[in-house]
Amino acid sequence: MPGKLIAVRLEMLARRLIEYWALAGGALLLGVVAVNALSLAGLILAGRPFPGDFEIVEVGVAVAIFAFLPYCQLTGANVTADIFTAGAGPRLLTVLSALASAVAMAFAVFLLVQMYEGFLDFRLYEETTAIYQFPIWVAYLPILVSIALLIVATVITFIEAFRSEAPHAEPTDL
């Protein structure tokens, strides 16, 4: 029983960390919107946009999108084609849910390896943004953390698929 209790606590900790990470991504995205608004206001009122606004938007949006991926996996908010599984039984849905988590896990591991290689290249060649001379490799750090959390989320959803006969998340109506 102590091992199971530790596993439950680790899962709860991982879920909370993933939620906070997504909230941080949302805060970053709000910051990007604020920079855009300031830039637009500067352009309209003073004829001068915020310098380098496109660099901030480019890096900020990329980091924010990756910050949302683990949460989307954990909550089942990824795009699905429910029309194909509408008549499927609980057993098949369980298998498909586990399979989807396994495929997401494999893709996330592949992505982590490739992004880490990109991180090393940008670090080695010291490429920077044009206006602020911001080192691009720095943006890879939170992205790598996001992908690692995505892997954790896929492990959780894979295990969760077998905890019950029902899929881990209810489909949402758009």
N, C-alpha and C. Protein backbone atom coordinates (compact mmCIF):
# COMPACT_ATOMS: atom_id res chain seq x y z
N MET A 1 0.80 -1.21 0.00
CA MET A 1 0.00 0.00 0.00
C MET A 1 0.84 1.28 0.00
N PRO A 2 1.99 1.35 0.70
CA PRO A 2 2.75 2.59 0.68
C PRO A 2 3.20 2.98 -0.74
N GLY A 3 3.53 2.00 -1.57
CA GLY A 3 3.93 2.28 -2.94
C GLY A 3 2.80 2.90 -3.74
N LYS A 4 1.60 2.40 -3.52
CA LYS A 4 0.43 2.94 -4.23
C LYS A 4 0.14 4.36 -3.77
N LEU A 5 0.31 4.62 -2.48
CA LEU A 5 0.09 5.96 -1.94
C LEU A 5 1.10 6.94 -2.53
N ILE A 6 2.32 6.52 -2.65
CA ILE A 6 3.36 7.37 -3.26
C ILE A 6 3.02 7.66 -4.72
N ALA A 7 2.56 6.63 -5.44
CA ALA A 7 2.19 6.81 -6.85
C ALA A 7 1.03 7.79 -6.98
N VAL A 8 0.05 7.68 -6.11
CA VAL A 8 -1.10 8.59 -6.15
C VAL A 8 -0.66 10.02 -5.88
N ARG A 9 0.21 10.18 -4.89
CA ARG A 9 0.70 11.53 -4.57
C ARG A 9 1.55 12.11 -5.69
N LEU A 10 2.36 11.27 -6.32
CA LEU A 10 3.16 11.74 -7.46
C LEU A 10 2.27 12.16 -8.62
N GLU A 11 1.22 11.37 -8.85
CA GLU A 11 0.28 11.74 -9.91
C GLU A 11 -0.41 13.05 -9.60
N MET A 12 -0.85 13.24 -8.37
CA MET A 12 -1.50 14.50 -7.98
C MET A 12 -0.54 15.68 -8.14
N LEU A 13 0.71 15.47 -7.75
CA LEU A 13 1.72 16.51 -7.89
C LEU A 13 1.95 16.84 -9.36
N ALA A 14 2.04 15.82 -10.19
CA ALA A 14 2.24 16.02 -11.63
C ALA A 14 1.06 16.77 -12.23
N ARG A 15 -0.15 16.38 -11.85
CA ARG A 15 -1.34 17.07 -12.37
C ARG A 15 -1.34 18.54 -11.97
N ARG A 16 -1.01 18.81 -10.74
CA ARG A 16 -0.98 20.20 -10.26
C ARG A 16 0.10 20.99 -10.99
N LEU A 17 1.27 20.38 -11.17
CA LEU A 17 2.36 21.05 -11.89
C LEU A 17 1.96 21.36 -13.33
N ILE A 18 1.30 20.41 -13.97
CA ILE A 18 0.85 20.61 -15.35
C ILE A 18 -0.19 21.73 -15.42
N GLU A 19 -1.09 21.78 -14.46
CA GLU A 19 -2.08 22.85 -14.43
C GLU A 19 -1.42 24.21 -14.26
N TYR A 20 -0.48 24.31 -13.32
CA TYR A 20 0.22 25.58 -13.10
C TYR A 20 1.05 25.97 -14.31
N TRP A 21 1.64 24.99 -14.97
CA TRP A 21 2.44 25.25 -16.16
C TRP A 21 1.55 25.84 -17.27
N ALA A 22 0.34 25.29 -17.42
CA ALA A 22 -0.60 25.82 -18.42
C ALA A 22 -1.04 27.24 -18.04
N LEU A 23 -1.26 27.48 -16.77
CA LEU A 23 -1.62 28.83 -16.33
C LEU A 23 -0.48 29.82 -16.60
N ALA A 24 0.75 29.37 -16.41
CA ALA A 24 1.90 30.22 -16.73
C ALA A 24 1.94 30.51 -18.23
N GLY A 25 1.60 29.51 -19.04
CA GLY A 25 1.51 29.71 -20.48
C GLY A 25 0.44 30.73 -20.83
N GLY A 26 -0.68 30.66 -20.13
CA GLY A 26 -1.75 31.63 -20.33
C GLY A 26 -1.33 33.03 -19.94
N ALA A 27 -0.61 33.16 -18.83
CA ALA A 27 -0.10 34.46 -18.40
C ALA A 27 0.89 35.01 -19.43
N LEU A 28 1.72 34.15 -19.96
CA LEU A 28 2.66 34.56 -21.00
C LEU A 28 1.91 35.05 -22.24
N LEU A 29 0.88 34.33 -22.60
CA LEU A 29 0.08 34.72 -23.76
C LEU A 29 -0.61 36.07 -23.53
N LEU A 30 -1.07 36.31 -22.31
CA LEU A 30 -1.64 37.63 -21.99
C LEU A 30 -0.59 38.72 -22.12
N GLY A 31 0.64 38.41 -21.71
CA GLY A 31 1.73 39.36 -21.87
C GLY A 31 2.00 39.66 -23.33
N VAL A 32 1.95 38.64 -24.16
CA VAL A 32 2.14 38.83 -25.60
C VAL A 32 1.04 39.72 -26.16
N VAL A 33 -0.19 39.50 -25.73
CA VAL A 33 -1.31 40.34 -26.18
C VAL A 33 -1.08 41.78 -25.73
N ALA A 34 -0.60 41.97 -24.51
CA ALA A 34 -0.33 43.32 -24.01
C ALA A 34 0.75 44.01 -24.85
N VAL A 35 1.79 43.28 -25.22
CA VAL A 35 2.84 43.85 -26.07
C VAL A 35 2.25 44.25 -27.42
N ASN A 36 1.40 43.39 -27.98
CA ASN A 36 0.75 43.73 -29.25
C ASN A 36 -0.11 44.98 -29.12
N ALA A 37 -0.86 45.06 -28.02
CA ALA A 37 -1.71 46.23 -27.80
C ALA A 37 -0.88 47.50 -27.64
N LEU A 38 0.21 47.41 -26.89
CA LEU A 38 1.10 48.57 -26.73
C LEU A 38 1.71 48.98 -28.07
N SER A 39 2.09 48.00 -28.83
CA SER A 39 2.69 48.28 -30.13
C SER A 39 1.69 48.96 -31.06
N LEU A 40 0.47 48.45 -31.06
CA LEU A 40 -0.58 49.04 -31.89
C LEU A 40 -0.91 50.45 -31.41
N ALA A 41 -1.01 50.63 -30.11
CA ALA A 41 -1.29 51.96 -29.56
C ALA A 41 -0.16 52.93 -29.91
N GLY A 42 1.07 52.46 -29.82
CA GLY A 42 2.21 53.30 -30.18
C GLY A 42 2.18 53.68 -31.65
N LEU A 43 1.79 52.75 -32.48
CA LEU A 43 1.71 53.02 -33.91
C LEU A 43 0.61 54.04 -34.21
N ILE A 44 -0.54 53.87 -33.57
CA ILE A 44 -1.67 54.76 -33.83
C ILE A 44 -1.44 56.15 -33.24
N LEU A 45 -0.95 56.19 -31.99
CA LEU A 45 -0.83 57.47 -31.29
C LEU A 45 0.45 58.23 -31.60
N ALA A 46 1.54 57.51 -31.78
CA ALA A 46 2.84 58.19 -31.96
C ALA A 46 3.49 57.87 -33.30
N GLY A 47 2.88 56.99 -34.06
CA GLY A 47 3.47 56.64 -35.35
C GLY A 47 4.66 55.70 -35.23
N ARG A 48 4.86 55.18 -34.02
CA ARG A 48 5.99 54.26 -33.79
C ARG A 48 5.51 53.04 -33.02
N PRO A 49 5.60 51.87 -33.62
CA PRO A 49 5.23 50.66 -32.88
C PRO A 49 6.29 50.30 -31.84
N PHE A 50 5.95 49.41 -30.98
CA PHE A 50 6.88 48.88 -29.97
C PHE A 50 8.01 48.18 -30.72
N PRO A 51 9.25 48.56 -30.52
CA PRO A 51 10.33 47.94 -31.28
C PRO A 51 10.48 46.46 -30.94
N GLY A 52 10.60 45.65 -31.96
CA GLY A 52 10.82 44.22 -31.76
C GLY A 52 9.61 43.46 -31.30
N ASP A 53 8.43 44.04 -31.48
CA ASP A 53 7.22 43.36 -31.01
C ASP A 53 7.06 41.99 -31.66
N PHE A 54 7.43 41.86 -32.91
CA PHE A 54 7.27 40.58 -33.59
C PHE A 54 8.18 39.51 -32.98
N GLU A 55 9.35 39.91 -32.49
CA GLU A 55 10.25 38.93 -31.84
C GLU A 55 9.62 38.42 -30.54
N ILE A 56 9.05 39.33 -29.77
CA ILE A 56 8.42 38.95 -28.51
C ILE A 56 7.22 38.05 -28.77
N VAL A 57 6.43 38.39 -29.78
CA VAL A 57 5.26 37.59 -30.12
C VAL A 57 5.69 36.20 -30.59
N GLU A 58 6.68 36.16 -31.45
CA GLU A 58 7.14 34.89 -32.00
C GLU A 58 7.60 33.93 -30.90
N VAL A 59 8.45 34.40 -30.03
CA VAL A 59 8.98 33.55 -28.96
C VAL A 59 7.89 33.26 -27.93
N GLY A 60 7.14 34.28 -27.54
CA GLY A 60 6.12 34.11 -26.51
C GLY A 60 5.02 33.13 -26.90
N VAL A 61 4.55 33.24 -28.14
CA VAL A 61 3.48 32.35 -28.59
C VAL A 61 4.00 30.91 -28.68
N ALA A 62 5.20 30.73 -29.18
CA ALA A 62 5.76 29.38 -29.27
C ALA A 62 5.86 28.73 -27.89
N VAL A 63 6.39 29.46 -26.93
CA VAL A 63 6.53 28.93 -25.57
C VAL A 63 5.15 28.65 -24.97
N ALA A 64 4.20 29.56 -25.16
CA ALA A 64 2.86 29.39 -24.60
C ALA A 64 2.16 28.17 -25.19
N ILE A 65 2.26 27.99 -26.49
CA ILE A 65 1.60 26.83 -27.12
C ILE A 65 2.14 25.53 -26.53
N PHE A 66 3.43 25.43 -26.40
CA PHE A 66 4.00 24.21 -25.82
C PHE A 66 3.58 24.03 -24.36
N ALA A 67 3.38 25.14 -23.64
CA ALA A 67 2.96 25.05 -22.24
C ALA A 67 1.56 24.47 -22.11
N PHE A 68 0.73 24.63 -23.15
CA PHE A 68 -0.64 24.12 -23.11
C PHE A 68 -0.73 22.63 -23.45
N LEU A 69 0.24 22.10 -24.17
CA LEU A 69 0.15 20.71 -24.65
C LEU A 69 -0.03 19.68 -23.54
N PRO A 70 0.74 19.74 -22.44
CA PRO A 70 0.53 18.73 -21.38
C PRO A 70 -0.87 18.77 -20.79
N TYR A 71 -1.39 19.98 -20.60
CA TYR A 71 -2.73 20.13 -20.03
C TYR A 71 -3.78 19.57 -20.99
N CYS A 72 -3.62 19.84 -22.27
CA CYS A 72 -4.55 19.30 -23.26
C CYS A 72 -4.55 17.78 -23.24
N GLN A 73 -3.38 17.18 -23.13
CA GLN A 73 -3.28 15.72 -23.07
C GLN A 73 -3.96 15.21 -21.80
N LEU A 74 -3.68 15.85 -20.70
CA LEU A 74 -4.19 15.40 -19.41
C LEU A 74 -5.70 15.49 -19.31
N THR A 75 -6.28 16.50 -19.92
CA THR A 75 -7.73 16.71 -19.82
C THR A 75 -8.50 16.15 -21.00
N GLY A 76 -7.81 15.56 -21.96
CA GLY A 76 -8.49 15.01 -23.12
C GLY A 76 -9.01 16.10 -24.05
N ALA A 77 -8.35 17.25 -24.04
CA ALA A 77 -8.80 18.39 -24.84
C ALA A 77 -8.19 18.42 -26.23
N ASN A 78 -7.50 17.37 -26.61
CA ASN A 78 -6.95 17.30 -27.96
C ASN A 78 -8.07 17.04 -28.96
N VAL A 79 -7.80 17.30 -30.20
CA VAL A 79 -8.78 17.08 -31.25
C VAL A 79 -9.00 15.57 -31.41
N THR A 80 -10.27 15.19 -31.45
CA THR A 80 -10.62 13.78 -31.66
C THR A 80 -11.67 13.66 -32.74
N ALA A 81 -11.77 12.50 -33.30
CA ALA A 81 -12.79 12.22 -34.31
C ALA A 81 -13.80 11.26 -33.70
N ASP A 82 -14.69 11.81 -32.87
CA ASP A 82 -15.65 11.00 -32.13
C ASP A 82 -16.68 10.32 -33.03
N ILE A 83 -16.83 10.80 -34.23
CA ILE A 83 -17.82 10.20 -35.13
C ILE A 83 -17.48 8.73 -35.42
N PHE A 84 -16.20 8.40 -35.40
CA PHE A 84 -15.77 7.03 -35.68
C PHE A 84 -15.97 6.10 -34.49
N THR A 85 -16.06 6.67 -33.29
CA THR A 85 -16.18 5.84 -32.09
C THR A 85 -17.55 5.97 -31.42
N ALA A 86 -18.48 6.65 -32.07
CA ALA A 86 -19.80 6.89 -31.46
C ALA A 86 -20.49 5.60 -31.06
N GLY A 87 -20.36 4.55 -31.84
CA GLY A 87 -21.04 3.30 -31.54
C GLY A 87 -20.15 2.27 -30.87
N ALA A 88 -18.95 2.65 -30.53
CA ALA A 88 -18.00 1.70 -29.93
C ALA A 88 -18.36 1.42 -28.47
N GLY A 89 -18.04 0.23 -28.04
CA GLY A 89 -18.28 -0.15 -26.66
C GLY A 89 -17.17 0.33 -25.74
N PRO A 90 -17.37 0.21 -24.44
CA PRO A 90 -16.40 0.70 -23.47
C PRO A 90 -15.03 0.04 -23.60
N ARG A 91 -15.02 -1.24 -23.94
CA ARG A 91 -13.75 -1.95 -24.08
C ARG A 91 -12.91 -1.38 -25.22
N LEU A 92 -13.55 -1.18 -26.36
CA LEU A 92 -12.85 -0.62 -27.51
C LEU A 92 -12.40 0.81 -27.22
N LEU A 93 -13.24 1.58 -26.55
CA LEU A 93 -12.86 2.95 -26.20
C LEU A 93 -11.65 2.98 -25.27
N THR A 94 -11.58 2.02 -24.35
CA THR A 94 -10.44 1.91 -23.46
C THR A 94 -9.17 1.62 -24.25
N VAL A 95 -9.26 0.67 -25.17
CA VAL A 95 -8.10 0.32 -25.99
C VAL A 95 -7.67 1.50 -26.85
N LEU A 96 -8.64 2.18 -27.46
CA LEU A 96 -8.32 3.33 -28.31
C LEU A 96 -7.72 4.47 -27.50
N SER A 97 -8.23 4.68 -26.31
CA SER A 97 -7.70 5.72 -25.44
C SER A 97 -6.26 5.40 -25.05
N ALA A 98 -6.01 4.15 -24.69
CA ALA A 98 -4.64 3.75 -24.34
C ALA A 98 -3.72 3.87 -25.55
N LEU A 99 -4.21 3.45 -26.71
CA LEU A 99 -3.42 3.54 -27.93
C LEU A 99 -3.10 5.01 -28.27
N ALA A 100 -4.08 5.87 -28.13
CA ALA A 100 -3.86 7.29 -28.39
C ALA A 100 -2.81 7.87 -27.44
N SER A 101 -2.86 7.47 -26.18
CA SER A 101 -1.86 7.94 -25.22
C SER A 101 -0.48 7.40 -25.56
N ALA A 102 -0.42 6.15 -25.99
CA ALA A 102 0.87 5.56 -26.36
C ALA A 102 1.47 6.26 -27.59
N VAL A 103 0.63 6.55 -28.57
CA VAL A 103 1.11 7.27 -29.76
C VAL A 103 1.56 8.67 -29.38
N ALA A 104 0.79 9.35 -28.54
CA ALA A 104 1.17 10.68 -28.08
C ALA A 104 2.48 10.63 -27.31
N MET A 105 2.66 9.57 -26.51
CA MET A 105 3.90 9.41 -25.75
C MET A 105 5.09 9.24 -26.69
N ALA A 106 4.94 8.38 -27.69
CA ALA A 106 6.02 8.15 -28.65
C ALA A 106 6.36 9.45 -29.39
N PHE A 107 5.33 10.18 -29.80
CA PHE A 107 5.57 11.44 -30.50
C PHE A 107 6.25 12.44 -29.58
N ALA A 108 5.83 12.51 -28.32
CA ALA A 108 6.42 13.46 -27.37
C ALA A 108 7.88 13.13 -27.11
N VAL A 109 8.21 11.86 -27.00
CA VAL A 109 9.61 11.46 -26.80
C VAL A 109 10.43 11.86 -28.03
N PHE A 110 9.90 11.57 -29.22
CA PHE A 110 10.57 11.96 -30.46
C PHE A 110 10.78 13.48 -30.50
N LEU A 111 9.73 14.22 -30.15
CA LEU A 111 9.79 15.67 -30.16
C LEU A 111 10.81 16.19 -29.15
N LEU A 112 10.86 15.57 -27.98
CA LEU A 112 11.82 15.99 -26.96
C LEU A 112 13.25 15.81 -27.46
N VAL A 113 13.52 14.68 -28.08
CA VAL A 113 14.86 14.42 -28.61
C VAL A 113 15.21 15.45 -29.68
N GLN A 114 14.29 15.69 -30.61
CA GLN A 114 14.57 16.61 -31.70
C GLN A 114 14.71 18.06 -31.21
N MET A 115 13.87 18.45 -30.28
CA MET A 115 13.95 19.81 -29.75
C MET A 115 15.22 19.99 -28.92
N TYR A 116 15.64 18.95 -28.23
CA TYR A 116 16.89 19.02 -27.48
C TYR A 116 18.07 19.20 -28.44
N GLU A 117 18.03 18.50 -29.56
CA GLU A 117 19.08 18.67 -30.57
C GLU A 117 19.07 20.10 -31.11
N GLY A 118 17.88 20.64 -31.35
CA GLY A 118 17.77 22.03 -31.80
C GLY A 118 18.30 23.00 -30.75
N PHE A 119 17.98 22.73 -29.50
CA PHE A 119 18.48 23.54 -28.39
C PHE A 119 20.01 23.54 -28.40
N LEU A 120 20.62 22.37 -28.54
CA LEU A 120 22.08 22.28 -28.54
C LEU A 120 22.68 23.06 -29.72
N ASP A 121 22.05 22.97 -30.88
CA ASP A 121 22.54 23.71 -32.05
C ASP A 121 22.46 25.22 -31.85
N PHE A 122 21.31 25.69 -31.35
CA PHE A 122 21.17 27.13 -31.14
C PHE A 122 22.13 27.61 -30.05
N ARG A 123 22.38 26.78 -29.08
CA ARG A 123 23.32 27.12 -28.01
C ARG A 123 24.75 27.18 -28.56
N LEU A 124 25.09 26.21 -29.38
CA LEU A 124 26.44 26.13 -29.95
C LEU A 124 26.72 27.30 -30.88
N TYR A 125 25.77 27.62 -31.75
CA TYR A 125 25.99 28.66 -32.75
C TYR A 125 25.56 30.05 -32.29
N GLU A 126 25.02 30.14 -31.07
CA GLU A 126 24.67 31.41 -30.42
C GLU A 126 23.81 32.31 -31.30
N GLU A 127 22.81 31.72 -31.97
CA GLU A 127 21.91 32.50 -32.81
C GLU A 127 21.00 33.34 -31.92
N THR A 128 20.78 34.59 -32.34
CA THR A 128 19.96 35.51 -31.57
C THR A 128 18.89 36.13 -32.46
N THR A 129 17.92 36.79 -31.82
CA THR A 129 16.92 37.52 -32.58
C THR A 129 17.56 38.80 -33.14
N ALA A 130 16.95 39.36 -34.16
CA ALA A 130 17.57 40.47 -34.89
C ALA A 130 17.62 41.77 -34.09
N ILE A 131 16.55 42.12 -33.40
CA ILE A 131 16.49 43.44 -32.77
C ILE A 131 17.03 43.41 -31.33
N TYR A 132 16.53 42.50 -30.53
CA TYR A 132 16.93 42.47 -29.12
C TYR A 132 18.17 41.63 -28.86
N GLN A 133 18.60 40.91 -29.85
CA GLN A 133 19.75 40.01 -29.70
C GLN A 133 19.50 39.00 -28.57
N PHE A 134 18.24 38.58 -28.46
CA PHE A 134 17.82 37.58 -27.48
C PHE A 134 18.31 36.21 -27.95
N PRO A 135 19.06 35.48 -27.12
CA PRO A 135 19.53 34.16 -27.55
C PRO A 135 18.35 33.19 -27.72
N ILE A 136 18.21 32.65 -28.90
CA ILE A 136 17.06 31.79 -29.21
C ILE A 136 17.05 30.54 -28.35
N TRP A 137 18.21 30.04 -27.96
CA TRP A 137 18.26 28.81 -27.18
C TRP A 137 17.53 28.94 -25.85
N VAL A 138 17.43 30.16 -25.34
CA VAL A 138 16.75 30.36 -24.05
C VAL A 138 15.27 29.98 -24.16
N ALA A 139 14.65 30.24 -25.30
CA ALA A 139 13.24 29.88 -25.49
C ALA A 139 13.04 28.37 -25.49
N TYR A 140 14.07 27.63 -25.83
CA TYR A 140 13.96 26.18 -25.85
C TYR A 140 13.83 25.58 -24.44
N LEU A 141 14.34 26.26 -23.43
CA LEU A 141 14.29 25.69 -22.08
C LEU A 141 12.87 25.44 -21.60
N PRO A 142 11.97 26.44 -21.62
CA PRO A 142 10.60 26.14 -21.19
C PRO A 142 9.88 25.20 -22.15
N ILE A 143 10.27 25.22 -23.42
CA ILE A 143 9.65 24.29 -24.37
C ILE A 143 10.05 22.86 -24.04
N LEU A 144 11.30 22.64 -23.69
CA LEU A 144 11.75 21.30 -23.30
C LEU A 144 11.05 20.83 -22.02
N VAL A 145 10.85 21.75 -21.08
CA VAL A 145 10.10 21.40 -19.86
C VAL A 145 8.67 21.03 -20.23
N SER A 146 8.07 21.78 -21.14
CA SER A 146 6.70 21.48 -21.58
C SER A 146 6.60 20.09 -22.19
N ILE A 147 7.56 19.74 -23.01
CA ILE A 147 7.52 18.42 -23.66
C ILE A 147 7.75 17.32 -22.63
N ALA A 148 8.63 17.56 -21.66
CA ALA A 148 8.81 16.57 -20.59
C ALA A 148 7.52 16.39 -19.80
N LEU A 149 6.82 17.49 -19.53
CA LEU A 149 5.53 17.40 -18.85
C LEU A 149 4.48 16.72 -19.73
N LEU A 150 4.58 16.91 -21.03
CA LEU A 150 3.69 16.21 -21.96
C LEU A 150 3.91 14.70 -21.86
N ILE A 151 5.15 14.28 -21.75
CA ILE A 151 5.44 12.85 -21.59
C ILE A 151 4.82 12.34 -20.29
N VAL A 152 4.96 13.11 -19.22
CA VAL A 152 4.35 12.73 -17.94
C VAL A 152 2.83 12.62 -18.10
N ALA A 153 2.24 13.58 -18.79
CA ALA A 153 0.78 13.56 -19.01
C ALA A 153 0.36 12.34 -19.82
N THR A 154 1.15 11.95 -20.81
CA THR A 154 0.79 10.76 -21.60
C THR A 154 0.89 9.49 -20.77
N VAL A 155 1.84 9.44 -19.88
CA VAL A 155 1.94 8.27 -18.98
C VAL A 155 0.70 8.21 -18.09
N ILE A 156 0.31 9.36 -17.55
CA ILE A 156 -0.88 9.41 -16.69
C ILE A 156 -2.12 8.98 -17.46
N THR A 157 -2.30 9.50 -18.67
CA THR A 157 -3.51 9.15 -19.43
C THR A 157 -3.48 7.71 -19.91
N PHE A 158 -2.29 7.18 -20.15
CA PHE A 158 -2.17 5.77 -20.54
C PHE A 158 -2.62 4.88 -19.39
N ILE A 159 -2.13 5.16 -18.21
CA ILE A 159 -2.52 4.38 -17.02
C ILE A 159 -3.99 4.59 -16.72
N GLU A 160 -4.44 5.81 -16.85
CA GLU A 160 -5.84 6.16 -16.58
C GLU A 160 -6.80 5.41 -17.49
N ALA A 161 -6.38 5.14 -18.71
CA ALA A 161 -7.23 4.44 -19.67
C ALA A 161 -7.62 3.06 -19.15
N PHE A 162 -6.75 2.45 -18.37
CA PHE A 162 -7.02 1.10 -17.88
C PHE A 162 -7.65 1.08 -16.48
N ARG A 163 -7.76 2.24 -15.84
CA ARG A 163 -8.37 2.30 -14.51
C ARG A 163 -9.86 2.06 -14.56
N SER A 164 -10.47 2.45 -15.65
CA SER A 164 -11.91 2.23 -15.80
C SER A 164 -12.19 1.86 -17.24
N GLU A 165 -13.37 1.44 -17.48
CA GLU A 165 -13.76 1.05 -18.83
C GLU A 165 -14.11 2.26 -19.68
N ALA A 166 -14.30 3.40 -19.05
CA ALA A 166 -14.69 4.61 -19.78
C ALA A 166 -13.45 5.43 -20.12
N PRO A 167 -13.51 6.19 -21.20
CA PRO A 167 -12.39 7.08 -21.52
C PRO A 167 -12.21 8.13 -20.44
N HIS A 168 -11.02 8.69 -20.33
CA HIS A 168 -10.68 9.58 -19.21
C HIS A 168 -11.32 10.96 -19.28
N ALA A 169 -11.84 11.35 -20.41
CA ALA A 169 -12.44 12.69 -20.49
C ALA A 169 -13.71 12.63 -21.34
N GLU A 170 -14.62 13.44 -20.96
CA GLU A 170 -15.86 13.54 -21.72
C GLU A 170 -15.64 14.44 -22.92
N PRO A 171 -16.19 14.09 -24.06
CA PRO A 171 -16.06 14.99 -25.21
C PRO A 171 -16.80 16.29 -24.95
N THR A 172 -16.29 17.37 -25.49
CA THR A 172 -16.94 18.65 -25.31
C THR A 172 -17.66 19.05 -26.58
N ASP A 173 -18.77 19.74 -26.42
CA ASP A 173 -19.52 20.22 -27.57
C ASP A 173 -18.97 21.59 -27.97
N LEU A 174 -18.80 21.79 -29.24
CA LEU A 174 -18.30 23.08 -29.72
C LEU A 174 -19.45 23.99 -30.08
